[in-house]
Amino acid sequence: MARRTSGPKKKLRRGLWSPEEDDKLINHIAKYGHGCWSSVPKLAGLERCGKSCRLRWINYLRPDLKRGAFSQEEEDLIIHLHSMMGNKWSSYCNATAGADGQPRSRTSWNSYIRKKAPA
């Protein structure tokens, strides 16, 4: 028995995000919140999958996302937490303002903070 299909699948856009797509996603989330990520692209008028929208929001577009170098206080806090907890980077997320969390802390530690820390 053959399966019925609803027609050809719509092609989703891949690759780089345009500024217009970013604006659509930001405006949609500001107005309605993110809720169910699988429904966000359709409601926002994007030709992307829900996972792509979620990752774009979390990694690039969130207003609380912190970029740039750590302040001296944040570096001191990371050195202190590392001396207490070791390499448990996911535990540092909340302590380092939580905005961008573990990857930023770990990358900074491996790049230059470790050199400043006492042995």
C-alpha atoms as a PDB file:
ATOM      1  CA  MET A   1       0.000   0.000   0.000  1.00  0.00           C
ATOM      2  CA  ALA A   2       1.410   3.401  -0.959  1.00  0.00           C
ATOM      3  CA  ARG A   3       1.768   6.290   1.451  1.00  0.00           C
ATOM      4  CA  ARG A   4      -0.008   9.504   0.721  1.00  0.00           C
ATOM      5  CA  THR A   5       2.055  12.621   0.853  1.00  0.00           C
ATOM      6  CA  SER A   6       0.914  16.172   1.164  1.00  0.00           C
ATOM      7  CA  GLY A   7       3.071  17.270  -1.727  1.00  0.00           C
ATOM      8  CA  PRO A   8       6.683  18.187  -2.187  1.00  0.00           C
ATOM      9  CA  LYS A   9       8.526  19.385   0.886  1.00  0.00           C
ATOM     10  CA  LYS A  10       9.352  23.050   1.037  1.00  0.00           C
ATOM     11  CA  LYS A  11      13.083  23.717   0.711  1.00  0.00           C
ATOM     12  CA  LEU A  12      14.550  25.266   3.819  1.00  0.00           C
ATOM     13  CA  ARG A  13      17.188  27.903   3.527  1.00  0.00           C
ATOM     14  CA  ARG A  14      20.668  26.983   4.715  1.00  0.00           C
ATOM     15  CA  GLY A  15      23.870  28.879   5.298  1.00  0.00           C
ATOM     16  CA  LEU A  16      24.427  32.455   6.376  1.00  0.00           C
ATOM     17  CA  TRP A  17      21.631  34.477   7.928  1.00  0.00           C
ATOM     18  CA  SER A  18      20.725  37.769   6.296  1.00  0.00           C
ATOM     19  CA  PRO A  19      20.089  40.914   8.372  1.00  0.00           C
ATOM     20  CA  GLU A  20      16.430  40.750   7.271  1.00  0.00           C
ATOM     21  CA  GLU A  21      16.104  37.227   8.671  1.00  0.00           C
ATOM     22  CA  ASP A  22      17.709  38.330  11.929  1.00  0.00           C
ATOM     23  CA  ASP A  23      15.233  41.218  12.153  1.00  0.00           C
ATOM     24  CA  LYS A  24      12.272  38.910  11.513  1.00  0.00           C
ATOM     25  CA  LEU A  25      13.422  36.517  14.225  1.00  0.00           C
ATOM     26  CA  ILE A  26      14.151  39.301  16.736  1.00  0.00           C
ATOM     27  CA  ASN A  27      10.798  40.993  16.095  1.00  0.00           C
ATOM     28  CA  HIS A  28       8.865  37.736  16.354  1.00  0.00           C
ATOM     29  CA  ILE A  29      10.505  36.742  19.638  1.00  0.00           C
ATOM     30  CA  ALA A  30      10.094  40.254  21.072  1.00  0.00           C
ATOM     31  CA  LYS A  31       6.390  40.199  20.246  1.00  0.00           C
ATOM     32  CA  TYR A  32       5.415  36.573  20.973  1.00  0.00           C
ATOM     33  CA  GLY A  33       8.341  34.954  22.804  1.00  0.00           C
ATOM     34  CA  HIS A  34       9.994  31.820  21.504  1.00  0.00           C
ATOM     35  CA  GLY A  35       7.657  29.146  22.861  1.00  0.00           C
ATOM     36  CA  CYS A  36       7.826  26.112  20.593  1.00  0.00           C
ATOM     37  CA  TRP A  37      10.885  26.477  18.354  1.00  0.00           C
ATOM     38  CA  SER A  38       9.435  24.242  15.636  1.00  0.00           C
ATOM     39  CA  SER A  39       6.621  26.749  15.078  1.00  0.00           C
ATOM     40  CA  VAL A  40       8.768  29.911  15.226  1.00  0.00           C
ATOM     41  CA  PRO A  41      10.062  29.867  11.617  1.00  0.00           C
ATOM     42  CA  LYS A  42       6.599  29.547  10.106  1.00  0.00           C
ATOM     43  CA  LEU A  43       5.069  32.217  12.341  1.00  0.00           C
ATOM     44  CA  ALA A  44       8.025  34.584  11.827  1.00  0.00           C
ATOM     45  CA  GLY A  45       7.972  34.141   8.049  1.00  0.00           C
ATOM     46  CA  LEU A  46      11.355  32.416   7.828  1.00  0.00           C
ATOM     47  CA  GLU A  47      12.379  29.569   5.550  1.00  0.00           C
ATOM     48  CA  ARG A  48      14.510  27.950   8.240  1.00  0.00           C
ATOM     49  CA  CYS A  49      14.036  24.993  10.555  1.00  0.00           C
ATOM     50  CA  GLY A  50      13.205  25.487  14.221  1.00  0.00           C
ATOM     51  CA  LYS A  51      16.603  24.220  15.334  1.00  0.00           C
ATOM     52  CA  SER A  52      18.365  26.794  13.166  1.00  0.00           C
ATOM     53  CA  CYS A  53      16.225  29.599  14.622  1.00  0.00           C
ATOM     54  CA  ARG A  54      16.867  28.405  18.163  1.00  0.00           C
ATOM     55  CA  LEU A  55      20.631  28.243  17.678  1.00  0.00           C
ATOM     56  CA  ARG A  56      20.721  31.653  15.995  1.00  0.00           C
ATOM     57  CA  TRP A  57      18.806  33.170  18.903  1.00  0.00           C
ATOM     58  CA  ILE A  58      20.833  31.481  21.638  1.00  0.00           C
ATOM     59  CA  ASN A  59      24.285  32.018  20.131  1.00  0.00           C
ATOM     60  CA  TYR A  60      23.990  35.398  18.392  1.00  0.00           C
ATOM     61  CA  LEU A  61      20.809  37.412  18.891  1.00  0.00           C
ATOM     62  CA  ARG A  62      19.861  37.217  22.572  1.00  0.00           C
ATOM     63  CA  PRO A  63      19.910  40.663  24.188  1.00  0.00           C
ATOM     64  CA  ASP A  64      21.628  39.308  27.327  1.00  0.00           C
ATOM     65  CA  LEU A  65      24.458  37.718  25.344  1.00  0.00           C
ATOM     66  CA  LYS A  66      27.754  39.102  26.505  1.00  0.00           C
ATOM     67  CA  ARG A  67      30.599  39.495  24.018  1.00  0.00           C
ATOM     68  CA  GLY A  68      34.151  40.671  24.277  1.00  0.00           C
ATOM     69  CA  ALA A  69      36.853  40.238  26.857  1.00  0.00           C
ATOM     70  CA  PHE A  70      36.257  39.365  30.476  1.00  0.00           C
ATOM     71  CA  SER A  71      36.609  42.117  33.046  1.00  0.00           C
ATOM     72  CA  GLN A  72      39.306  41.727  35.704  1.00  0.00           C
ATOM     73  CA  GLU A  73      36.634  40.754  38.257  1.00  0.00           C
ATOM     74  CA  GLU A  74      35.296  38.028  35.951  1.00  0.00           C
ATOM     75  CA  GLU A  75      38.815  36.688  35.347  1.00  0.00           C
ATOM     76  CA  ASP A  76      39.463  36.575  39.101  1.00  0.00           C
ATOM     77  CA  LEU A  77      36.146  34.787  39.620  1.00  0.00           C
ATOM     78  CA  ILE A  78      36.964  32.172  36.967  1.00  0.00           C
ATOM     79  CA  ILE A  79      40.409  31.583  38.505  1.00  0.00           C
ATOM     80  CA  HIS A  80      38.791  31.185  41.941  1.00  0.00           C
ATOM     81  CA  LEU A  81      36.065  28.827  40.654  1.00  0.00           C
ATOM     82  CA  HIS A  82      38.617  26.760  38.747  1.00  0.00           C
ATOM     83  CA  SER A  83      40.752  26.356  41.858  1.00  0.00           C
ATOM     84  CA  MET A  84      37.652  25.163  43.769  1.00  0.00           C
ATOM     85  CA  MET A  85      35.847  23.030  41.148  1.00  0.00           C
ATOM     86  CA  GLY A  86      38.448  22.097  38.549  1.00  0.00           C
ATOM     87  CA  ASN A  87      37.315  21.714  34.942  1.00  0.00           C
ATOM     88  CA  LYS A  88      33.548  21.659  35.632  1.00  0.00           C
ATOM     89  CA  TRP A  89      32.854  24.431  33.132  1.00  0.00           C
ATOM     90  CA  SER A  90      29.098  24.003  33.057  1.00  0.00           C
ATOM     91  CA  SER A  91      29.047  24.932  36.765  1.00  0.00           C
ATOM     92  CA  TYR A  92      30.611  28.300  35.946  1.00  0.00           C
ATOM     93  CA  CYS A  93      27.717  29.454  33.739  1.00  0.00           C
ATOM     94  CA  ASN A  94      25.625  30.910  36.546  1.00  0.00           C
ATOM     95  CA  ALA A  95      28.599  32.319  38.395  1.00  0.00           C
ATOM     96  CA  THR A  96      29.959  34.172  35.343  1.00  0.00           C
ATOM     97  CA  ALA A  97      26.716  36.064  34.722  1.00  0.00           C
ATOM     98  CA  GLY A  98      25.312  33.078  32.818  1.00  0.00           C
ATOM     99  CA  ALA A  99      24.723  34.997  29.605  1.00  0.00           C
ATOM    100  CA  ASP A 100      27.059  33.078  27.384  1.00  0.00           C
ATOM    101  CA  GLY A 101      28.298  30.602  29.894  1.00  0.00           C
ATOM    102  CA  GLN A 102      30.545  27.645  29.609  1.00  0.00           C
ATOM    103  CA  PRO A 103      32.106  27.903  26.127  1.00  0.00           C
ATOM    104  CA  ARG A 104      33.274  31.466  26.711  1.00  0.00           C
ATOM    105  CA  SER A 105      34.723  30.596  30.131  1.00  0.00           C
ATOM    106  CA  ARG A 106      36.480  27.480  28.899  1.00  0.00           C
ATOM    107  CA  THR A 107      37.867  29.143  25.779  1.00  0.00           C
ATOM    108  CA  SER A 108      39.168  32.087  27.777  1.00  0.00           C
ATOM    109  CA  TRP A 109      40.709  29.783  30.362  1.00  0.00           C
ATOM    110  CA  ASN A 110      42.500  27.705  27.756  1.00  0.00           C
ATOM    111  CA  SER A 111      43.634  30.786  25.838  1.00  0.00           C
ATOM    112  CA  TYR A 112      44.993  33.204  28.400  1.00  0.00           C
ATOM    113  CA  ILE A 113      43.533  33.178  31.917  1.00  0.00           C
ATOM    114  CA  ARG A 114      45.305  29.911  32.828  1.00  0.00           C
ATOM    115  CA  LYS A 115      48.650  31.651  32.232  1.00  0.00           C
ATOM    116  CA  LYS A 116      47.736  34.300  34.817  1.00  0.00           C
ATOM    117  CA  ALA A 117      46.526  31.818  37.440  1.00  0.00           C
ATOM    118  CA  PRO A 118      48.910  30.734  40.186  1.00  0.00           C
ATOM    119  CA  ALA A 119      50.060  27.143  39.753  1.00  0.00           C
END
